[in-house]
PDB file of N, CA and C in Angstrom:
ATOM      1  N   UNK A   1     -94.409 104.666  37.872  1.00  0.00           N
ATOM      2  CA  UNK A   1     -94.171 106.127  37.913  1.00  0.00           C
ATOM      3  C   UNK A   1     -94.071 106.604  36.496  1.00  0.00           C
ATOM      4  N   UNK A   2     -94.721 107.694  36.165  1.00  0.00           N
ATOM      5  CA  UNK A   2     -94.562 108.298  34.858  1.00  0.00           C
ATOM      6  C   UNK A   2     -93.650 109.546  34.954  1.00  0.00           C
ATOM      7  N   UNK A   3     -92.574 109.606  34.147  1.00  0.00           N
ATOM      8  CA  UNK A   3     -91.678 110.728  34.190  1.00  0.00           C
ATOM      9  C   UNK A   3     -92.431 112.013  33.794  1.00  0.00           C
ATOM     10  N   UNK A   4     -92.070 113.102  34.415  1.00  0.00           N
ATOM     11  CA  UNK A   4     -92.630 114.386  34.064  1.00  0.00           C
ATOM     12  C   UNK A   4     -91.859 114.958  32.865  1.00  0.00           C
ATOM     13  N   UNK A   5     -92.526 115.806  32.114  1.00  0.00           N
ATOM     14  CA  UNK A   5     -91.937 116.367  30.889  1.00  0.00           C
ATOM     15  C   UNK A   5     -90.692 117.147  31.193  1.00  0.00           C
ATOM     16  N   UNK A   6     -90.657 117.861  32.311  1.00  0.00           N
ATOM     17  CA  UNK A   6     -89.449 118.742  32.650  1.00  0.00           C
ATOM     18  C   UNK A   6     -88.265 117.826  33.034  1.00  0.00           C
ATOM     19  N   UNK A   7     -88.446 116.652  33.391  1.00  0.00           N
ATOM     20  CA  UNK A   7     -87.269 115.770  33.709  1.00  0.00           C
ATOM     21  C   UNK A   7     -86.398 115.601  32.523  1.00  0.00           C
ATOM     22  N   UNK A   8     -86.957 115.485  31.372  1.00  0.00           N
ATOM     23  CA  UNK A   8     -86.128 115.341  30.137  1.00  0.00           C
ATOM     24  C   UNK A   8     -85.328 116.604  29.890  1.00  0.00           C
ATOM     25  N   UNK A   9     -85.909 117.749  30.143  1.00  0.00           N
ATOM     26  CA  UNK A   9     -85.128 119.016  29.991  1.00  0.00           C
ATOM     27  C   UNK A   9     -83.984 119.053  30.971  1.00  0.00           C
ATOM     28  N   UNK A  10     -84.224 118.661  32.224  1.00  0.00           N
ATOM     29  CA  UNK A  10     -83.196 118.592  33.224  1.00  0.00           C
ATOM     30  C   UNK A  10     -82.074 117.683  32.861  1.00  0.00           C
ATOM     31  N   UNK A  11     -82.435 116.499  32.383  1.00  0.00           N
ATOM     32  CA  UNK A  11     -81.431 115.539  31.956  1.00  0.00           C
ATOM     33  C   UNK A  11     -80.563 116.063  30.770  1.00  0.00           C
ATOM     34  N   UNK A  12     -81.202 116.609  29.800  1.00  0.00           N
ATOM     35  CA  UNK A  12     -80.458 117.225  28.687  1.00  0.00           C
ATOM     36  C   UNK A  12     -79.551 118.362  29.143  1.00  0.00           C
ATOM     37  N   UNK A  13     -80.026 119.156  30.028  1.00  0.00           N
ATOM     38  CA  UNK A  13     -79.221 120.289  30.582  1.00  0.00           C
ATOM     39  C   UNK A  13     -77.996 119.758  31.286  1.00  0.00           C
ATOM     40  N   UNK A  14     -78.186 118.743  32.146  1.00  0.00           N
ATOM     41  CA  UNK A  14     -77.094 118.269  32.975  1.00  0.00           C
ATOM     42  C   UNK A  14     -76.039 117.525  32.118  1.00  0.00           C
ATOM     43  N   UNK A  15     -76.433 116.862  31.041  1.00  0.00           N
ATOM     44  CA  UNK A  15     -75.455 116.142  30.202  1.00  0.00           C
ATOM     45  C   UNK A  15     -74.399 117.140  29.675  1.00  0.00           C
ATOM     46  N   UNK A  16     -74.838 118.393  29.470  1.00  0.00           N
ATOM     47  CA  UNK A  16     -73.828 119.459  28.979  1.00  0.00           C
ATOM     48  C   UNK A  16     -73.018 119.982  30.089  1.00  0.00           C
ATOM     49  N   UNK A  17     -73.342 119.762  31.329  1.00  0.00           N
ATOM     50  CA  UNK A  17     -72.724 120.465  32.482  1.00  0.00           C
ATOM     51  C   UNK A  17     -71.805 119.515  33.222  1.00  0.00           C
ATOM     52  N   UNK A  18     -72.103 118.282  33.385  1.00  0.00           N
ATOM     53  CA  UNK A  18     -71.291 117.387  34.258  1.00  0.00           C
ATOM     54  C   UNK A  18     -71.008 116.115  33.534  1.00  0.00           C
ATOM     55  N   UNK A  19     -69.765 115.662  33.614  1.00  0.00           N
ATOM     56  CA  UNK A  19     -69.418 114.326  33.081  1.00  0.00           C
ATOM     57  C   UNK A  19     -68.507 113.608  34.012  1.00  0.00           C
ATOM     58  N   UNK A  20     -68.114 112.455  33.679  1.00  0.00           N
ATOM     59  CA  UNK A  20     -67.217 111.629  34.536  1.00  0.00           C
ATOM     60  C   UNK A  20     -66.023 111.165  33.710  1.00  0.00           C
ATOM     61  N   UNK A  21     -64.863 111.155  34.359  1.00  0.00           N
ATOM     62  CA  UNK A  21     -63.642 110.547  33.782  1.00  0.00           C
ATOM     63  C   UNK A  21     -63.293 109.395  34.609  1.00  0.00           C
ATOM     64  N   UNK A  22     -62.943 108.251  33.950  1.00  0.00           N
ATOM     65  CA  UNK A  22     -62.485 107.097  34.717  1.00  0.00           C
ATOM     66  C   UNK A  22     -61.028 107.264  35.090  1.00  0.00           C
ATOM     67  N   UNK A  23     -60.733 107.101  36.362  1.00  0.00           N
ATOM     68  CA  UNK A  23     -59.332 107.240  36.893  1.00  0.00           C
ATOM     69  C   UNK A  23     -58.633 105.902  36.700  1.00  0.00           C
ATOM     70  N   UNK A  24     -59.246 104.803  37.188  1.00  0.00           N
ATOM     71  CA  UNK A  24     -58.635 103.503  36.976  1.00  0.00           C
ATOM     72  C   UNK A  24     -59.671 102.420  37.319  1.00  0.00           C
ATOM     73  N   UNK A  25     -59.355 101.213  36.854  1.00  0.00           N
ATOM     74  CA  UNK A  25     -60.239 100.021  37.120  1.00  0.00           C
ATOM     75  C   UNK A  25     -59.394  98.965  37.765  1.00  0.00           C
ATOM     76  N   UNK A  26     -59.951  98.371  38.813  1.00  0.00           N
ATOM     77  CA  UNK A  26     -59.323  97.258  39.533  1.00  0.00           C
ATOM     78  C   UNK A  26     -60.365  96.239  39.795  1.00  0.00           C
ATOM     79  N   UNK A  27     -60.352  95.176  38.895  1.00  0.00           N
ATOM     80  CA  UNK A  27     -61.372  94.170  39.059  1.00  0.00           C
ATOM     81  C   UNK A  27     -62.742  94.751  38.803  1.00  0.00           C
ATOM     82  N   UNK A  28     -63.630  94.600  39.732  1.00  0.00           N
ATOM     83  CA  UNK A  28     -64.983  95.092  39.577  1.00  0.00           C
ATOM     84  C   UNK A  28     -65.125  96.539  40.071  1.00  0.00           C
ATOM     85  N   UNK A  29     -64.042  97.102  40.623  1.00  0.00           N
ATOM     86  CA  UNK A  29     -64.047  98.476  41.169  1.00  0.00           C
ATOM     87  C   UNK A  29     -63.564  99.473  40.137  1.00  0.00           C
ATOM     88  N   UNK A  30     -64.375 100.530  39.869  1.00  0.00           N
ATOM     89  CA  UNK A  30     -63.938 101.547  38.958  1.00  0.00           C
ATOM     90  C   UNK A  30     -63.939 102.894  39.707  1.00  0.00           C
ATOM     91  N   UNK A  31     -62.789 103.559  39.678  1.00  0.00           N
ATOM     92  CA  UNK A  31     -62.700 104.910  40.337  1.00  0.00           C
ATOM     93  C   UNK A  31     -62.916 105.963  39.210  1.00  0.00           C
ATOM     94  N   UNK A  32     -63.593 107.012  39.556  1.00  0.00           N
ATOM     95  CA  UNK A  32     -63.858 108.026  38.605  1.00  0.00           C
ATOM     96  C   UNK A  32     -63.906 109.411  39.305  1.00  0.00           C
ATOM     97  N   UNK A  33     -63.895 110.473  38.517  1.00  0.00           N
ATOM     98  CA  UNK A  33     -64.031 111.806  39.090  1.00  0.00           C
ATOM     99  C   UNK A  33     -65.074 112.561  38.213  1.00  0.00           C
ATOM    100  N   UNK A  34     -65.813 113.462  38.893  1.00  0.00           N
ATOM    101  CA  UNK A  34     -66.747 114.327  38.134  1.00  0.00           C
ATOM    102  C   UNK A  34     -66.000 115.432  37.491  1.00  0.00           C
ATOM    103  N   UNK A  35     -66.365 115.761  36.300  1.00  0.00           N
ATOM    104  CA  UNK A  35     -65.689 116.823  35.515  1.00  0.00           C
ATOM    105  C   UNK A  35     -66.858 117.810  35.082  1.00  0.00           C
ATOM    106  N   UNK A  36     -66.633 119.028  35.506  1.00  0.00           N
ATOM    107  CA  UNK A  36     -67.622 120.139  35.155  1.00  0.00           C
ATOM    108  C   UNK A  36     -67.207 120.767  33.847  1.00  0.00           C
ATOM    109  N   UNK A  37     -68.140 120.968  32.952  1.00  0.00           N
ATOM    110  CA  UNK A  37     -67.858 121.640  31.695  1.00  0.00           C
ATOM    111  C   UNK A  37     -67.414 123.096  31.883  1.00  0.00           C
ATOM    112  N   UNK A  38     -66.856 123.679  30.906  1.00  0.00           N
ATOM    113  CA  UNK A  38     -66.476 125.083  30.953  1.00  0.00           C
ATOM    114  C   UNK A  38     -67.686 125.983  31.193  1.00  0.00           C
ATOM    115  N   UNK A  39     -68.772 125.574  30.577  1.00  0.00           N
ATOM    116  CA  UNK A  39     -70.017 126.336  30.728  1.00  0.00           C
ATOM    117  C   UNK A  39     -70.457 126.332  32.189  1.00  0.00           C
ATOM    118  N   UNK A  40     -70.398 125.139  32.836  1.00  0.00           N
ATOM    119  CA  UNK A  40     -70.763 125.036  34.189  1.00  0.00           C
ATOM    120  C   UNK A  40     -69.919 125.899  35.112  1.00  0.00           C
ATOM    121  N   UNK A  41     -68.580 125.855  34.818  1.00  0.00           N
ATOM    122  CA  UNK A  41     -67.701 126.587  35.631  1.00  0.00           C
ATOM    123  C   UNK A  41     -67.958 128.154  35.473  1.00  0.00           C
ATOM    124  N   UNK A  42     -68.307 128.579  34.271  1.00  0.00           N
ATOM    125  CA  UNK A  42     -68.688 129.992  34.046  1.00  0.00           C
ATOM    126  C   UNK A  42     -69.919 130.368  34.808  1.00  0.00           C
ATOM    127  N   UNK A  43     -70.943 129.541  34.778  1.00  0.00           N
ATOM    128  CA  UNK A  43     -72.140 129.801  35.535  1.00  0.00           C
ATOM    129  C   UNK A  43     -71.912 129.799  37.084  1.00  0.00           C
ATOM    130  N   UNK A  44     -71.039 128.908  37.515  1.00  0.00           N
ATOM    131  CA  UNK A  44     -70.738 128.823  38.926  1.00  0.00           C
ATOM    132  C   UNK A  44     -70.050 130.092  39.349  1.00  0.00           C
ATOM    133  N   UNK A  45     -69.114 130.654  38.547  1.00  0.00           N
ATOM    134  CA  UNK A  45     -68.447 131.898  38.841  1.00  0.00           C
ATOM    135  C   UNK A  45     -69.414 133.107  38.895  1.00  0.00           C
ATOM    136  N   UNK A  46     -70.360 133.062  37.939  1.00  0.00           N
ATOM    137  CA  UNK A  46     -71.385 134.138  37.937  1.00  0.00           C
ATOM    138  C   UNK A  46     -72.259 134.012  39.220  1.00  0.00           C
ATOM    139  N   UNK A  47     -72.469 132.840  39.687  1.00  0.00           N
ATOM    140  CA  UNK A  47     -73.250 132.661  40.916  1.00  0.00           C
ATOM    141  C   UNK A  47     -72.487 133.270  42.098  1.00  0.00           C
ATOM    142  N   UNK A  48     -71.195 132.897  42.204  1.00  0.00           N
ATOM    143  CA  UNK A  48     -70.428 133.416  43.321  1.00  0.00           C
ATOM    144  C   UNK A  48     -70.346 134.938  43.351  1.00  0.00           C
ATOM    145  N   UNK A  49     -70.157 135.518  42.205  1.00  0.00           N
ATOM    146  CA  UNK A  49     -70.073 136.938  42.090  1.00  0.00           C
ATOM    147  C   UNK A  49     -71.430 137.582  42.501  1.00  0.00           C
ATOM    148  N   UNK A  50     -72.547 136.969  41.980  1.00  0.00           N
ATOM    149  CA  UNK A  50     -73.881 137.497  42.348  1.00  0.00           C
ATOM    150  C   UNK A  50     -74.171 137.332  43.822  1.00  0.00           C
ATOM    151  N   UNK A  51     -73.761 136.181  44.397  1.00  0.00           N
ATOM    152  CA  UNK A  51     -73.997 135.928  45.835  1.00  0.00           C
ATOM    153  C   UNK A  51     -73.234 136.968  46.669  1.00  0.00           C
ATOM    154  N   UNK A  52     -71.988 137.227  46.268  1.00  0.00           N
ATOM    155  CA  UNK A  52     -71.214 138.172  47.081  1.00  0.00           C
ATOM    156  C   UNK A  52     -71.727 139.610  46.905  1.00  0.00           C
ATOM    157  N   UNK A  53     -72.350 139.894  45.735  1.00  0.00           N
ATOM    158  CA  UNK A  53     -72.861 141.233  45.590  1.00  0.00           C
ATOM    159  C   UNK A  53     -74.076 141.516  46.385  1.00  0.00           C
ATOM    160  N   UNK A  54     -74.819 140.497  46.810  1.00  0.00           N
ATOM    161  CA  UNK A  54     -75.944 140.705  47.658  1.00  0.00           C
ATOM    162  C   UNK A  54     -77.240 141.209  47.026  1.00  0.00           C
ATOM    163  N   UNK A  55     -77.301 141.298  45.694  1.00  0.00           N
ATOM    164  CA  UNK A  55     -78.505 141.797  45.053  1.00  0.00           C
ATOM    165  C   UNK A  55     -79.323 140.585  44.581  1.00  0.00           C
ATOM    166  N   UNK A  56     -80.464 140.361  45.167  1.00  0.00           N
ATOM    167  CA  UNK A  56     -81.255 139.162  44.812  1.00  0.00           C
ATOM    168  C   UNK A  56     -81.780 139.225  43.382  1.00  0.00           C
ATOM    169  N   UNK A  57     -81.922 140.431  42.782  1.00  0.00           N
ATOM    170  CA  UNK A  57     -82.298 140.525  41.400  1.00  0.00           C
ATOM    171  C   UNK A  57     -81.310 139.920  40.442  1.00  0.00           C
ATOM    172  N   UNK A  58     -80.004 139.993  40.802  1.00  0.00           N
ATOM    173  CA  UNK A  58     -78.997 139.416  39.973  1.00  0.00           C
ATOM    174  C   UNK A  58     -79.056 137.880  40.069  1.00  0.00           C
ATOM    175  N   UNK A  59     -79.304 137.386  41.236  1.00  0.00           N
ATOM    176  CA  UNK A  59     -79.516 135.928  41.434  1.00  0.00           C
ATOM    177  C   UNK A  59     -80.691 135.426  40.656  1.00  0.00           C
ATOM    178  N   UNK A  60     -81.766 136.191  40.660  1.00  0.00           N
ATOM    179  CA  UNK A  60     -82.947 135.767  39.950  1.00  0.00           C
ATOM    180  C   UNK A  60     -82.738 135.766  38.434  1.00  0.00           C
ATOM    181  N   UNK A  61     -81.927 136.738  37.998  1.00  0.00           N
ATOM    182  CA  UNK A  61     -81.559 136.731  36.533  1.00  0.00           C
ATOM    183  C   UNK A  61     -80.737 135.514  36.120  1.00  0.00           C
ATOM    184  N   UNK A  62     -79.793 135.164  37.016  1.00  0.00           N
ATOM    185  CA  UNK A  62     -78.998 133.948  36.800  1.00  0.00           C
ATOM    186  C   UNK A  62     -79.884 132.704  36.781  1.00  0.00           C
ATOM    187  N   UNK A  63     -80.813 132.666  37.679  1.00  0.00           N
ATOM    188  CA  UNK A  63     -81.707 131.493  37.690  1.00  0.00           C
ATOM    189  C   UNK A  63     -82.574 131.409  36.501  1.00  0.00           C
ATOM    190  N   UNK A  64     -83.024 132.560  35.977  1.00  0.00           N
ATOM    191  CA  UNK A  64     -83.811 132.546  34.697  1.00  0.00           C
ATOM    192  C   UNK A  64     -83.034 132.036  33.557  1.00  0.00           C
ATOM    193  N   UNK A  65     -81.756 132.389  33.483  1.00  0.00           N
ATOM    194  CA  UNK A  65     -80.903 131.972  32.368  1.00  0.00           C
ATOM    195  C   UNK A  65     -80.469 130.542  32.545  1.00  0.00           C
ATOM    196  N   UNK A  66     -80.398 130.075  33.779  1.00  0.00           N
ATOM    197  CA  UNK A  66     -79.854 128.680  34.079  1.00  0.00           C
ATOM    198  C   UNK A  66     -80.795 128.042  35.072  1.00  0.00           C
ATOM    199  N   UNK A  67     -81.978 127.631  34.665  1.00  0.00           N
ATOM    200  CA  UNK A  67     -82.994 127.167  35.627  1.00  0.00           C
ATOM    201  C   UNK A  67     -82.648 125.929  36.446  1.00  0.00           C
ATOM    202  N   UNK A  68     -81.642 125.208  36.019  1.00  0.00           N
ATOM    203  CA  UNK A  68     -81.258 123.970  36.819  1.00  0.00           C
ATOM    204  C   UNK A  68     -79.969 124.147  37.597  1.00  0.00           C
ATOM    205  N   UNK A  69     -79.480 125.390  37.649  1.00  0.00           N
ATOM    206  CA  UNK A  69     -78.239 125.584  38.422  1.00  0.00           C
ATOM    207  C   UNK A  69     -78.513 125.368  39.954  1.00  0.00           C
ATOM    208  N   UNK A  70     -78.052 124.372  40.496  1.00  0.00           N
ATOM    209  CA  UNK A  70     -78.524 123.931  41.864  1.00  0.00           C
ATOM    210  C   UNK A  70     -78.163 124.953  42.920  1.00  0.00           C
ATOM    211  N   UNK A  71     -77.035 125.625  42.844  1.00  0.00           N
ATOM    212  CA  UNK A  71     -76.684 126.570  43.947  1.00  0.00           C
ATOM    213  C   UNK A  71     -77.576 127.791  43.884  1.00  0.00           C
ATOM    214  N   UNK A  72     -78.165 128.156  42.792  1.00  0.00           N
ATOM    215  CA  UNK A  72     -78.981 129.305  42.717  1.00  0.00           C
ATOM    216  C   UNK A  72     -80.377 129.080  43.389  1.00  0.00           C
ATOM    217  N   UNK A  73     -80.726 127.852  43.598  1.00  0.00           N
ATOM    218  CA  UNK A  73     -81.988 127.509  44.308  1.00  0.00           C
ATOM    219  C   UNK A  73     -81.774 127.684  45.787  1.00  0.00           C
TER     220      UNK A  73
END
């Protein structure tokens, strides 16, 4: 399989949005939690406000600015 060019853009975008923190390690088991960046949290709040407002144009604007925001799709 040959990766598509846009996959690299998606990977770069997500590295800035979501990370992981290790909670603990027990033998071969590692527990972790997902941590969303401040930028991700801001975009998510904009999404909630736009969704509650009911104007699809606002949602489209959010999607244009943040093309890989999963909830906007």
